[in-house]
Amino acid sequence: MRRRSYRYRPNKVQSVVGIAAGGLFILLGIFVAIPTFGLFGMIWTLFAVGITASNAYAAFSGRGYGSWEMEESGGDSGEPAGGLDFEERLQKLQRLYDQRLITREEYDQKRAEILAEKW
């Protein structure tokens, strides 16, 4: 199976709102949380800085910060290529031949390949 990565990039409005909220939490951390709660206030402020920095990165760079990987079936997995079943693949092949987009030799060769695969 082939793995393909997709990267998520929030839009500018989300990022700007995140920067504003992060800035507010940084100020709360510096002026309220650290003097009142000590170590917890410092941890709060560090998290707020991280949130603000990640939103600034997403807003001002061309890259996103999250990613997902997806598996695409086909090829070596024993499943038909492209996710089509045998009947659909044979019908598509027949259409290509009927429209004269492939030769008879190519048609016969590909048909034999499709039929030779696991059912």
PDB file of N, CA and C in Angstrom:
ATOM      1  N   MET A   1       0.829  -1.176   0.000  1.00  0.00           N
ATOM      2  CA  MET A   1       0.000   0.000   0.000  1.00  0.00           C
ATOM      3  C   MET A   1       0.878   1.245   0.000  1.00  0.00           C
ATOM      4  N   ARG A   2       0.375   2.244  -0.633  1.00  0.00           N
ATOM      5  CA  ARG A   2       1.099   3.495  -0.717  1.00  0.00           C
ATOM      6  C   ARG A   2       0.591   4.434   0.372  1.00  0.00           C
ATOM      7  N   ARG A   3       1.513   5.091   1.069  1.00  0.00           N
ATOM      8  CA  ARG A   3       1.133   6.061   2.096  1.00  0.00           C
ATOM      9  C   ARG A   3       1.272   7.458   1.516  1.00  0.00           C
ATOM     10  N   ARG A   4       0.307   8.271   1.803  1.00  0.00           N
ATOM     11  CA  ARG A   4       0.344   9.655   1.346  1.00  0.00           C
ATOM     12  C   ARG A   4       0.073  10.551   2.539  1.00  0.00           C
ATOM     13  N   SER A   5       0.877  11.588   2.718  1.00  0.00           N
ATOM     14  CA  SER A   5       0.706  12.523   3.822  1.00  0.00           C
ATOM     15  C   SER A   5      -0.051  13.756   3.355  1.00  0.00           C
ATOM     16  N   TYR A   6      -0.922  14.227   4.201  1.00  0.00           N
ATOM     17  CA  TYR A   6      -1.660  15.449   3.951  1.00  0.00           C
ATOM     18  C   TYR A   6      -1.393  16.405   5.095  1.00  0.00           C
ATOM     19  N   ARG A   7      -1.158  17.649   4.777  1.00  0.00           N
ATOM     20  CA  ARG A   7      -0.866  18.646   5.802  1.00  0.00           C
ATOM     21  C   ARG A   7      -2.047  19.596   5.941  1.00  0.00           C
ATOM     22  N   TYR A   8      -2.434  19.859   7.174  1.00  0.00           N
ATOM     23  CA  TYR A   8      -3.537  20.747   7.485  1.00  0.00           C
ATOM     24  C   TYR A   8      -2.983  22.134   7.751  1.00  0.00           C
ATOM     25  N   ARG A   9      -3.595  23.121   7.146  1.00  0.00           N
ATOM     26  CA  ARG A   9      -3.192  24.497   7.390  1.00  0.00           C
ATOM     27  C   ARG A   9      -4.440  25.317   7.692  1.00  0.00           C
ATOM     28  N   PRO A  10      -4.546  25.846   8.932  1.00  0.00           N
ATOM     29  CA  PRO A  10      -5.715  26.639   9.257  1.00  0.00           C
ATOM     30  C   PRO A  10      -5.739  27.921   8.423  1.00  0.00           C
ATOM     31  N   ASN A  11      -6.911  28.492   8.235  1.00  0.00           N
ATOM     32  CA  ASN A  11      -6.980  29.717   7.454  1.00  0.00           C
ATOM     33  C   ASN A  11      -6.461  30.899   8.268  1.00  0.00           C
ATOM     34  N   LYS A  12      -6.289  32.027   7.605  1.00  0.00           N
ATOM     35  CA  LYS A  12      -5.697  33.205   8.248  1.00  0.00           C
ATOM     36  C   LYS A  12      -6.541  33.706   9.425  1.00  0.00           C
ATOM     37  N   VAL A  13      -7.860  33.683   9.276  1.00  0.00           N
ATOM     38  CA  VAL A  13      -8.728  34.192  10.349  1.00  0.00           C
ATOM     39  C   VAL A  13      -8.552  33.350  11.609  1.00  0.00           C
ATOM     40  N   GLN A  14      -8.532  32.019  11.456  1.00  0.00           N
ATOM     41  CA  GLN A  14      -8.319  31.149  12.616  1.00  0.00           C
ATOM     42  C   GLN A  14      -6.991  31.462  13.283  1.00  0.00           C
ATOM     43  N   SER A  15      -5.963  31.650  12.478  1.00  0.00           N
ATOM     44  CA  SER A  15      -4.636  31.898  13.025  1.00  0.00           C
ATOM     45  C   SER A  15      -4.558  33.242  13.733  1.00  0.00           C
ATOM     46  N   VAL A  16      -5.164  34.275  13.165  1.00  0.00           N
ATOM     47  CA  VAL A  16      -5.141  35.600  13.795  1.00  0.00           C
ATOM     48  C   VAL A  16      -5.914  35.585  15.115  1.00  0.00           C
ATOM     49  N   VAL A  17      -7.060  34.909  15.139  1.00  0.00           N
ATOM     50  CA  VAL A  17      -7.820  34.786  16.382  1.00  0.00           C
ATOM     51  C   VAL A  17      -6.994  34.015  17.416  1.00  0.00           C
ATOM     52  N   GLY A  18      -6.298  32.972  16.978  1.00  0.00           N
ATOM     53  CA  GLY A  18      -5.438  32.215  17.881  1.00  0.00           C
ATOM     54  C   GLY A  18      -4.291  33.050  18.425  1.00  0.00           C
ATOM     55  N   ILE A  19      -3.722  33.911  17.580  1.00  0.00           N
ATOM     56  CA  ILE A  19      -2.643  34.795  18.036  1.00  0.00           C
ATOM     57  C   ILE A  19      -3.177  35.782  19.080  1.00  0.00           C
ATOM     58  N   ALA A  20      -4.351  36.371  18.813  1.00  0.00           N
ATOM     59  CA  ALA A  20      -4.939  37.332  19.754  1.00  0.00           C
ATOM     60  C   ALA A  20      -5.260  36.663  21.087  1.00  0.00           C
ATOM     61  N   ALA A  21      -5.881  35.481  21.035  1.00  0.00           N
ATOM     62  CA  ALA A  21      -6.223  34.772  22.270  1.00  0.00           C
ATOM     63  C   ALA A  21      -4.955  34.356  23.006  1.00  0.00           C
ATOM     64  N   GLY A  22      -3.962  33.880  22.274  1.00  0.00           N
ATOM     65  CA  GLY A  22      -2.696  33.502  22.904  1.00  0.00           C
ATOM     66  C   GLY A  22      -2.020  34.681  23.566  1.00  0.00           C
ATOM     67  N   GLY A  23      -2.046  35.839  22.890  1.00  0.00           N
ATOM     68  CA  GLY A  23      -1.462  37.047  23.481  1.00  0.00           C
ATOM     69  C   GLY A  23      -2.164  37.439  24.765  1.00  0.00           C
ATOM     70  N   LEU A  24      -3.488  37.331  24.775  1.00  0.00           N
ATOM     71  CA  LEU A  24      -4.256  37.629  25.981  1.00  0.00           C
ATOM     72  C   LEU A  24      -3.872  36.678  27.114  1.00  0.00           C
ATOM     73  N   PHE A  25      -3.735  35.398  26.796  1.00  0.00           N
ATOM     74  CA  PHE A  25      -3.350  34.435  27.830  1.00  0.00           C
ATOM     75  C   PHE A  25      -1.916  34.642  28.314  1.00  0.00           C
ATOM     76  N   ILE A  26      -1.037  35.104  27.428  1.00  0.00           N
ATOM     77  CA  ILE A  26       0.337  35.423  27.860  1.00  0.00           C
ATOM     78  C   ILE A  26       0.295  36.575  28.865  1.00  0.00           C
ATOM     79  N   LEU A  27      -0.470  37.631  28.545  1.00  0.00           N
ATOM     80  CA  LEU A  27      -0.580  38.763  29.470  1.00  0.00           C
ATOM     81  C   LEU A  27      -1.194  38.344  30.802  1.00  0.00           C
ATOM     82  N   LEU A  28      -2.247  37.513  30.747  1.00  0.00           N
ATOM     83  CA  LEU A  28      -2.827  36.999  31.995  1.00  0.00           C
ATOM     84  C   LEU A  28      -1.802  36.187  32.785  1.00  0.00           C
ATOM     85  N   GLY A  29      -1.007  35.414  32.074  1.00  0.00           N
ATOM     86  CA  GLY A  29       0.009  34.614  32.745  1.00  0.00           C
ATOM     87  C   GLY A  29       1.057  35.476  33.426  1.00  0.00           C
ATOM     88  N   ILE A  30       1.532  36.503  32.710  1.00  0.00           N
ATOM     89  CA  ILE A  30       2.589  37.356  33.260  1.00  0.00           C
ATOM     90  C   ILE A  30       2.084  38.192  34.440  1.00  0.00           C
ATOM     91  N   PHE A  31       0.912  38.801  34.293  1.00  0.00           N
ATOM     92  CA  PHE A  31       0.453  39.757  35.307  1.00  0.00           C
ATOM     93  C   PHE A  31      -0.444  39.157  36.388  1.00  0.00           C
ATOM     94  N   VAL A  32      -1.043  37.981  36.137  1.00  0.00           N
ATOM     95  CA  VAL A  32      -1.940  37.413  37.143  1.00  0.00           C
ATOM     96  C   VAL A  32      -1.457  36.036  37.605  1.00  0.00           C
ATOM     97  N   ALA A  33      -1.244  35.108  36.661  1.00  0.00           N
ATOM     98  CA  ALA A  33      -0.974  33.714  37.041  1.00  0.00           C
ATOM     99  C   ALA A  33       0.385  33.535  37.713  1.00  0.00           C
ATOM    100  N   ILE A  34       1.433  34.135  37.170  1.00  0.00           N
ATOM    101  CA  ILE A  34       2.765  33.940  37.770  1.00  0.00           C
ATOM    102  C   ILE A  34       2.827  34.554  39.176  1.00  0.00           C
ATOM    103  N   PRO A  35       2.390  35.827  39.355  1.00  0.00           N
ATOM    104  CA  PRO A  35       2.460  36.370  40.724  1.00  0.00           C
ATOM    105  C   PRO A  35       1.568  35.634  41.728  1.00  0.00           C
ATOM    106  N   THR A  36       0.433  35.122  41.253  1.00  0.00           N
ATOM    107  CA  THR A  36      -0.504  34.483  42.176  1.00  0.00           C
ATOM    108  C   THR A  36      -0.178  33.014  42.419  1.00  0.00           C
ATOM    109  N   PHE A  37       0.153  32.266  41.350  1.00  0.00           N
ATOM    110  CA  PHE A  37       0.286  30.804  41.469  1.00  0.00           C
ATOM    111  C   PHE A  37       1.709  30.286  41.297  1.00  0.00           C
ATOM    112  N   GLY A  38       2.665  31.137  41.024  1.00  0.00           N
ATOM    113  CA  GLY A  38       4.065  30.738  40.952  1.00  0.00           C
ATOM    114  C   GLY A  38       4.364  29.792  39.790  1.00  0.00           C
ATOM    115  N   LEU A  39       4.752  28.548  40.104  1.00  0.00           N
ATOM    116  CA  LEU A  39       5.153  27.577  39.090  1.00  0.00           C
ATOM    117  C   LEU A  39       4.027  27.286  38.102  1.00  0.00           C
ATOM    118  N   PHE A  40       2.812  27.138  38.612  1.00  0.00           N
ATOM    119  CA  PHE A  40       1.681  26.916  37.710  1.00  0.00           C
ATOM    120  C   PHE A  40       1.526  28.088  36.748  1.00  0.00           C
ATOM    121  N   GLY A  41       1.724  29.293  37.218  1.00  0.00           N
ATOM    122  CA  GLY A  41       1.636  30.470  36.371  1.00  0.00           C
ATOM    123  C   GLY A  41       2.687  30.466  35.273  1.00  0.00           C
ATOM    124  N   MET A  42       3.879  29.998  35.599  1.00  0.00           N
ATOM    125  CA  MET A  42       4.937  29.911  34.579  1.00  0.00           C
ATOM    126  C   MET A  42       4.589  28.862  33.524  1.00  0.00           C
ATOM    127  N   ILE A  43       4.059  27.727  33.954  1.00  0.00           N
ATOM    128  CA  ILE A  43       3.651  26.677  33.008  1.00  0.00           C
ATOM    129  C   ILE A  43       2.523  27.192  32.116  1.00  0.00           C
ATOM    130  N   TRP A  44       1.549  27.885  32.729  1.00  0.00           N
ATOM    131  CA  TRP A  44       0.439  28.492  31.981  1.00  0.00           C
ATOM    132  C   TRP A  44       0.981  29.418  30.896  1.00  0.00           C
ATOM    133  N   THR A  45       1.904  30.280  31.285  1.00  0.00           N
ATOM    134  CA  THR A  45       2.448  31.268  30.347  1.00  0.00           C
ATOM    135  C   THR A  45       3.236  30.583  29.238  1.00  0.00           C
ATOM    136  N   LEU A  46       3.993  29.541  29.542  1.00  0.00           N
ATOM    137  CA  LEU A  46       4.744  28.807  28.510  1.00  0.00           C
ATOM    138  C   LEU A  46       3.803  28.146  27.512  1.00  0.00           C
ATOM    139  N   PHE A  47       2.700  27.569  27.995  1.00  0.00           N
ATOM    140  CA  PHE A  47       1.710  26.998  27.079  1.00  0.00           C
ATOM    141  C   PHE A  47       1.113  28.080  26.188  1.00  0.00           C
ATOM    142  N   ALA A  48       0.820  29.235  26.777  1.00  0.00           N
ATOM    143  CA  ALA A  48       0.258  30.344  25.995  1.00  0.00           C
ATOM    144  C   ALA A  48       1.243  30.807  24.932  1.00  0.00           C
ATOM    145  N   VAL A  49       2.522  30.847  25.250  1.00  0.00           N
ATOM    146  CA  VAL A  49       3.542  31.221  24.265  1.00  0.00           C
ATOM    147  C   VAL A  49       3.585  30.189  23.141  1.00  0.00           C
ATOM    148  N   GLY A  50       3.513  28.905  23.483  1.00  0.00           N
ATOM    149  CA  GLY A  50       3.515  27.854  22.466  1.00  0.00           C
ATOM    150  C   GLY A  50       2.312  27.944  21.540  1.00  0.00           C
ATOM    151  N   ILE A  51       1.143  28.175  22.106  1.00  0.00           N
ATOM    152  CA  ILE A  51      -0.070  28.313  21.292  1.00  0.00           C
ATOM    153  C   ILE A  51       0.038  29.512  20.363  1.00  0.00           C
ATOM    154  N   THR A  52       0.507  30.620  20.900  1.00  0.00           N
ATOM    155  CA  THR A  52       0.646  31.836  20.098  1.00  0.00           C
ATOM    156  C   THR A  52       1.670  31.636  18.987  1.00  0.00           C
ATOM    157  N   ALA A  53       2.785  30.994  19.301  1.00  0.00           N
ATOM    158  CA  ALA A  53       3.833  30.764  18.298  1.00  0.00           C
ATOM    159  C   ALA A  53       3.337  29.831  17.191  1.00  0.00           C
ATOM    160  N   SER A  54       2.602  28.782  17.542  1.00  0.00           N
ATOM    161  CA  SER A  54       2.120  27.871  16.502  1.00  0.00           C
ATOM    162  C   SER A  54       1.094  28.552  15.597  1.00  0.00           C
ATOM    163  N   ASN A  55       0.267  29.412  16.156  1.00  0.00           N
ATOM    164  CA  ASN A  55      -0.691  30.156  15.337  1.00  0.00           C
ATOM    165  C   ASN A  55       0.010  31.190  14.467  1.00  0.00           C
ATOM    166  N   ALA A  56       1.050  31.820  14.988  1.00  0.00           N
ATOM    167  CA  ALA A  56       1.816  32.784  14.183  1.00  0.00           C
ATOM    168  C   ALA A  56       2.521  32.067  13.033  1.00  0.00           C
ATOM    169  N   TYR A  57       3.055  30.889  13.312  1.00  0.00           N
ATOM    170  CA  TYR A  57       3.704  30.097  12.264  1.00  0.00           C
ATOM    171  C   TYR A  57       2.711  29.753  11.159  1.00  0.00           C
ATOM    172  N   ALA A  58       1.513  29.333  11.549  1.00  0.00           N
ATOM    173  CA  ALA A  58       0.491  28.975  10.556  1.00  0.00           C
ATOM    174  C   ALA A  58       0.021  30.197   9.778  1.00  0.00           C
ATOM    175  N   ALA A  59      -0.040  31.361  10.428  1.00  0.00           N
ATOM    176  CA  ALA A  59      -0.544  32.563   9.767  1.00  0.00           C
ATOM    177  C   ALA A  59       0.462  33.158   8.794  1.00  0.00           C
ATOM    178  N   PHE A  60       1.739  33.124   9.146  1.00  0.00           N
ATOM    179  CA  PHE A  60       2.724  33.867   8.359  1.00  0.00           C
ATOM    180  C   PHE A  60       3.634  32.998   7.506  1.00  0.00           C
ATOM    181  N   SER A  61       3.475  31.696   7.571  1.00  0.00           N
ATOM    182  CA  SER A  61       4.280  30.822   6.705  1.00  0.00           C
ATOM    183  C   SER A  61       3.355  30.153   5.698  1.00  0.00           C
ATOM    184  N   GLY A  62       3.919  29.582   4.683  1.00  0.00           N
ATOM    185  CA  GLY A  62       3.125  28.889   3.677  1.00  0.00           C
ATOM    186  C   GLY A  62       2.847  27.445   4.039  1.00  0.00           C
ATOM    187  N   ARG A  63       3.270  27.036   5.214  1.00  0.00           N
ATOM    188  CA  ARG A  63       3.117  25.636   5.624  1.00  0.00           C
ATOM    189  C   ARG A  63       2.151  25.528   6.783  1.00  0.00           C
ATOM    190  N   GLY A  64       1.559  24.377   6.914  1.00  0.00           N
ATOM    191  CA  GLY A  64       0.698  24.110   8.057  1.00  0.00           C
ATOM    192  C   GLY A  64       1.495  23.436   9.154  1.00  0.00           C
ATOM    193  N   TYR A  65       0.835  23.088  10.247  1.00  0.00           N
ATOM    194  CA  TYR A  65       1.566  22.462  11.336  1.00  0.00           C
ATOM    195  C   TYR A  65       1.072  21.070  11.686  1.00  0.00           C
ATOM    196  N   GLY A  66      -0.066  20.663  11.216  1.00  0.00           N
ATOM    197  CA  GLY A  66      -0.559  19.324  11.502  1.00  0.00           C
ATOM    198  C   GLY A  66      -0.425  18.451  10.272  1.00  0.00           C
ATOM    199  N   SER A  67      -0.408  17.158  10.446  1.00  0.00           N
ATOM    200  CA  SER A  67      -0.362  16.284   9.280  1.00  0.00           C
ATOM    201  C   SER A  67      -1.058  14.968   9.586  1.00  0.00           C
ATOM    202  N   TRP A  68      -1.544  14.363   8.536  1.00  0.00           N
ATOM    203  CA  TRP A  68      -2.179  13.055   8.618  1.00  0.00           C
ATOM    204  C   TRP A  68      -1.587  12.181   7.540  1.00  0.00           C
ATOM    205  N   GLU A  69      -1.566  10.890   7.773  1.00  0.00           N
ATOM    206  CA  GLU A  69      -1.143   9.945   6.756  1.00  0.00           C
ATOM    207  C   GLU A  69      -2.315   9.049   6.432  1.00  0.00           C
ATOM    208  N   MET A  70      -2.480   8.791   5.143  1.00  0.00           N
ATOM    209  CA  MET A  70      -3.555   7.919   4.697  1.00  0.00           C
ATOM    210  C   MET A  70      -2.960   6.829   3.824  1.00  0.00           C
ATOM    211  N   GLU A  71      -3.556   5.661   3.882  1.00  0.00           N
ATOM    212  CA  GLU A  71      -3.119   4.567   3.032  1.00  0.00           C
ATOM    213  C   GLU A  71      -4.052   4.476   1.840  1.00  0.00           C
ATOM    214  N   GLU A  72      -3.458   4.306   0.673  1.00  0.00           N
ATOM    215  CA  GLU A  72      -4.242   4.123  -0.538  1.00  0.00           C
ATOM    216  C   GLU A  72      -4.071   2.692  -0.991  1.00  0.00           C
ATOM    217  N   SER A  73      -5.175   2.006  -1.218  1.00  0.00           N
ATOM    218  CA  SER A  73      -5.089   0.614  -1.611  1.00  0.00           C
ATOM    219  C   SER A  73      -4.824   0.508  -3.100  1.00  0.00           C
ATOM    220  N   GLY A  74      -4.390  -0.666  -3.483  1.00  0.00           N
ATOM    221  CA  GLY A  74      -4.070  -0.928  -4.888  1.00  0.00           C
ATOM    222  C   GLY A  74      -2.664  -1.466  -4.985  1.00  0.00           C
ATOM    223  N   GLY A  75      -2.316  -1.951  -6.142  1.00  0.00           N
ATOM    224  CA  GLY A  75      -0.953  -2.429  -6.365  1.00  0.00           C
ATOM    225  C   GLY A  75      -0.696  -3.750  -5.690  1.00  0.00           C
ATOM    226  N   ASP A  76       0.176  -3.770  -4.675  1.00  0.00           N
ATOM    227  CA  ASP A  76       0.651  -5.005  -4.069  1.00  0.00           C
ATOM    228  C   ASP A  76      -0.328  -5.629  -3.085  1.00  0.00           C
ATOM    229  N   SER A  77      -1.411  -4.975  -2.762  1.00  0.00           N
ATOM    230  CA  SER A  77      -2.285  -5.462  -1.709  1.00  0.00           C
ATOM    231  C   SER A  77      -3.207  -6.585  -2.161  1.00  0.00           C
ATOM    232  N   GLY A  78      -3.238  -6.905  -3.443  1.00  0.00           N
ATOM    233  CA  GLY A  78      -4.144  -7.923  -3.937  1.00  0.00           C
ATOM    234  C   GLY A  78      -5.485  -7.348  -4.340  1.00  0.00           C
ATOM    235  N   GLU A  79      -5.707  -6.086  -4.044  1.00  0.00           N
ATOM    236  CA  GLU A  79      -6.941  -5.444  -4.447  1.00  0.00           C
ATOM    237  C   GLU A  79      -6.761  -4.868  -5.837  1.00  0.00           C
ATOM    238  N   PRO A  80      -7.823  -4.702  -6.581  1.00  0.00           N
ATOM    239  CA  PRO A  80      -7.704  -4.118  -7.911  1.00  0.00           C
ATOM    240  C   PRO A  80      -7.154  -2.707  -7.854  1.00  0.00           C
ATOM    241  N   ALA A  81      -6.340  -2.358  -8.828  1.00  0.00           N
ATOM    242  CA  ALA A  81      -5.752  -1.031  -8.886  1.00  0.00           C
ATOM    243  C   ALA A  81      -6.846   0.008  -9.020  1.00  0.00           C
ATOM    244  N   GLY A  82      -6.680   1.118  -8.305  1.00  0.00           N
ATOM    245  CA  GLY A  82      -7.632   2.207  -8.409  1.00  0.00           C
ATOM    246  C   GLY A  82      -8.945   1.946  -7.697  1.00  0.00           C
ATOM    247  N   GLY A  83      -9.081   0.820  -6.999  1.00  0.00           N
ATOM    248  CA  GLY A  83     -10.288   0.551  -6.249  1.00  0.00           C
ATOM    249  C   GLY A  83     -11.448   0.050  -7.092  1.00  0.00           C
ATOM    250  N   LEU A  84     -11.262  -0.183  -8.383  1.00  0.00           N
ATOM    251  CA  LEU A  84     -12.345  -0.671  -9.232  1.00  0.00           C
ATOM    252  C   LEU A  84     -12.405  -2.189  -9.162  1.00  0.00           C
ATOM    253  N   ASP A  85     -13.603  -2.760  -9.229  1.00  0.00           N
ATOM    254  CA  ASP A  85     -13.697  -4.211  -9.253  1.00  0.00           C
ATOM    255  C   ASP A  85     -13.433  -4.714 -10.678  1.00  0.00           C
ATOM    256  N   PHE A  86     -13.355  -6.005 -10.831  1.00  0.00           N
ATOM    257  CA  PHE A  86     -12.985  -6.601 -12.119  1.00  0.00           C
ATOM    258  C   PHE A  86     -13.942  -6.194 -13.233  1.00  0.00           C
ATOM    259  N   GLU A  87     -15.223  -6.247 -12.947  1.00  0.00           N
ATOM    260  CA  GLU A  87     -16.206  -5.915 -13.975  1.00  0.00           C
ATOM    261  C   GLU A  87     -16.043  -4.470 -14.457  1.00  0.00           C
ATOM    262  N   GLU A  88     -15.882  -3.554 -13.509  1.00  0.00           N
ATOM    263  CA  GLU A  88     -15.708  -2.148 -13.885  1.00  0.00           C
ATOM    264  C   GLU A  88     -14.430  -1.940 -14.696  1.00  0.00           C
ATOM    265  N   ARG A  89     -13.372  -2.621 -14.285  1.00  0.00           N
ATOM    266  CA  ARG A  89     -12.099  -2.478 -15.007  1.00  0.00           C
ATOM    267  C   ARG A  89     -12.207  -3.027 -16.425  1.00  0.00           C
ATOM    268  N   LEU A  90     -12.883  -4.168 -16.556  1.00  0.00           N
ATOM    269  CA  LEU A  90     -13.057  -4.739 -17.889  1.00  0.00           C
ATOM    270  C   LEU A  90     -13.943  -3.860 -18.761  1.00  0.00           C
ATOM    271  N   GLN A  91     -14.982  -3.282 -18.186  1.00  0.00           N
ATOM    272  CA  GLN A  91     -15.850  -2.389 -18.946  1.00  0.00           C
ATOM    273  C   GLN A  91     -15.089  -1.130 -19.379  1.00  0.00           C
ATOM    274  N   LYS A  92     -14.282  -0.613 -18.492  1.00  0.00           N
ATOM    275  CA  LYS A  92     -13.479   0.568 -18.838  1.00  0.00           C
ATOM    276  C   LYS A  92     -12.495   0.222 -19.962  1.00  0.00           C
ATOM    277  N   LEU A  93     -11.878  -0.923 -19.861  1.00  0.00           N
ATOM    278  CA  LEU A  93     -10.955  -1.364 -20.900  1.00  0.00           C
ATOM    279  C   LEU A  93     -11.671  -1.519 -22.236  1.00  0.00           C
ATOM    280  N   GLN A  94     -12.875  -2.090 -22.204  1.00  0.00           N
ATOM    281  CA  GLN A  94     -13.655  -2.251 -23.434  1.00  0.00           C
ATOM    282  C   GLN A  94     -13.997  -0.893 -24.043  1.00  0.00           C
ATOM    283  N   ARG A  95     -14.366   0.066 -23.204  1.00  0.00           N
ATOM    284  CA  ARG A  95     -14.670   1.418 -23.712  1.00  0.00           C
ATOM    285  C   ARG A  95     -13.446   2.041 -24.379  1.00  0.00           C
ATOM    286  N   LEU A  96     -12.291   1.862 -23.764  1.00  0.00           N
ATOM    287  CA  LEU A  96     -11.063   2.404 -24.364  1.00  0.00           C
ATOM    288  C   LEU A  96     -10.814   1.786 -25.738  1.00  0.00           C
ATOM    289  N   TYR A  97     -11.044   0.487 -25.820  1.00  0.00           N
ATOM    290  CA  TYR A  97     -10.842  -0.196 -27.110  1.00  0.00           C
ATOM    291  C   TYR A  97     -11.892   0.248 -28.131  1.00  0.00           C
ATOM    292  N   ASP A  98     -13.152   0.359 -27.706  1.00  0.00           N
ATOM    293  CA  ASP A  98     -14.232   0.778 -28.614  1.00  0.00           C
ATOM    294  C   ASP A  98     -14.009   2.196 -29.145  1.00  0.00           C
ATOM    295  N   GLN A  99     -13.408   3.044 -28.313  1.00  0.00           N
ATOM    296  CA  GLN A  99     -13.139   4.428 -28.732  1.00  0.00           C
ATOM    297  C   GLN A  99     -11.822   4.545 -29.510  1.00  0.00           C
ATOM    298  N   ARG A 100     -11.190   3.392 -29.748  1.00  0.00           N
ATOM    299  CA  ARG A 100      -9.934   3.312 -30.493  1.00  0.00           C
ATOM    300  C   ARG A 100      -8.789   4.082 -29.814  1.00  0.00           C
ATOM    301  N   LEU A 101      -8.827   4.073 -28.488  1.00  0.00           N
ATOM    302  CA  LEU A 101      -7.762   4.715 -27.733  1.00  0.00           C
ATOM    303  C   LEU A 101      -6.620   3.753 -27.436  1.00  0.00           C
ATOM    304  N   ILE A 102      -6.901   2.456 -27.544  1.00  0.00           N
ATOM    305  CA  ILE A 102      -5.857   1.431 -27.392  1.00  0.00           C
ATOM    306  C   ILE A 102      -5.997   0.435 -28.534  1.00  0.00           C
ATOM    307  N   THR A 103      -4.899  -0.247 -28.833  1.00  0.00           N
ATOM    308  CA  THR A 103      -4.901  -1.232 -29.916  1.00  0.00           C
ATOM    309  C   THR A 103      -5.461  -2.554 -29.407  1.00  0.00           C
ATOM    310  N   ARG A 104      -5.707  -3.476 -30.343  1.00  0.00           N
ATOM    311  CA  ARG A 104      -6.213  -4.804 -29.981  1.00  0.00           C
ATOM    312  C   ARG A 104      -5.187  -5.544 -29.129  1.00  0.00           C
ATOM    313  N   GLU A 105      -3.907  -5.384 -29.457  1.00  0.00           N
ATOM    314  CA  GLU A 105      -2.847  -6.051 -28.679  1.00  0.00           C
ATOM    315  C   GLU A 105      -2.825  -5.538 -27.243  1.00  0.00           C
ATOM    316  N   GLU A 106      -2.926  -4.213 -27.102  1.00  0.00           N
ATOM    317  CA  GLU A 106      -2.945  -3.638 -25.757  1.00  0.00           C
ATOM    318  C   GLU A 106      -4.181  -4.100 -24.986  1.00  0.00           C
ATOM    319  N   TYR A 107      -5.313  -4.158 -25.672  1.00  0.00           N
ATOM    320  CA  TYR A 107      -6.552  -4.617 -25.053  1.00  0.00           C
ATOM    321  C   TYR A 107      -6.400  -6.056 -24.553  1.00  0.00           C
ATOM    322  N   ASP A 108      -5.915  -6.936 -25.445  1.00  0.00           N
ATOM    323  CA  ASP A 108      -5.767  -8.353 -25.078  1.00  0.00           C
ATOM    324  C   ASP A 108      -4.788  -8.522 -23.917  1.00  0.00           C
ATOM    325  N   GLN A 109      -3.683  -7.784 -23.957  1.00  0.00           N
ATOM    326  CA  GLN A 109      -2.667  -7.898 -22.909  1.00  0.00           C
ATOM    327  C   GLN A 109      -3.231  -7.441 -21.553  1.00  0.00           C
ATOM    328  N   LYS A 110      -3.882  -6.279 -21.533  1.00  0.00           N
ATOM    329  CA  LYS A 110      -4.412  -5.760 -20.281  1.00  0.00           C
ATOM    330  C   LYS A 110      -5.557  -6.621 -19.762  1.00  0.00           C
ATOM    331  N   ARG A 111      -6.376  -7.136 -20.656  1.00  0.00           N
ATOM    332  CA  ARG A 111      -7.480  -8.006 -20.247  1.00  0.00           C
ATOM    333  C   ARG A 111      -6.937  -9.265 -19.581  1.00  0.00           C
ATOM    334  N   ALA A 112      -5.873  -9.819 -20.155  1.00  0.00           N
ATOM    335  CA  ALA A 112      -5.254 -11.009 -19.558  1.00  0.00           C
ATOM    336  C   ALA A 112      -4.688 -10.685 -18.180  1.00  0.00           C
ATOM    337  N   GLU A 113      -4.099  -9.498 -18.015  1.00  0.00           N
ATOM    338  CA  GLU A 113      -3.558  -9.098 -16.715  1.00  0.00           C
ATOM    339  C   GLU A 113      -4.674  -8.988 -15.675  1.00  0.00           C
ATOM    340  N   ILE A 114      -5.780  -8.365 -16.072  1.00  0.00           N
ATOM    341  CA  ILE A 114      -6.905  -8.183 -15.141  1.00  0.00           C
ATOM    342  C   ILE A 114      -7.470  -9.538 -14.724  1.00  0.00           C
ATOM    343  N   LEU A 115      -7.639 -10.444 -15.689  1.00  0.00           N
ATOM    344  CA  LEU A 115      -8.214 -11.749 -15.378  1.00  0.00           C
ATOM    345  C   LEU A 115      -7.255 -12.634 -14.593  1.00  0.00           C
ATOM    346  N   ALA A 116      -5.942 -12.367 -14.673  1.00  0.00           N
ATOM    347  CA  ALA A 116      -4.956 -13.187 -13.978  1.00  0.00           C
ATOM    348  C   ALA A 116      -4.875 -12.810 -12.489  1.00  0.00           C
ATOM    349  N   GLU A 117      -5.409 -11.652 -12.103  1.00  0.00           N
ATOM    350  CA  GLU A 117      -5.349 -11.230 -10.712  1.00  0.00           C
ATOM    351  C   GLU A 117      -6.283 -12.084  -9.859  1.00  0.00           C
ATOM    352  N   LYS A 118      -6.091 -11.971  -8.519  1.00  0.00           N
ATOM    353  CA  LYS A 118      -6.954 -12.700  -7.587  1.00  0.00           C
ATOM    354  C   LYS A 118      -8.389 -12.244  -7.739  1.00  0.00           C
ATOM    355  N   TRP A 119      -9.304 -13.185  -7.659  1.00  0.00           N
ATOM    356  CA  TRP A 119     -10.737 -12.831  -7.735  1.00  0.00           C
ATOM    357  C   TRP A 119     -11.220 -12.499  -6.395  1.00  0.00           C
TER     358      TRP A 119
END
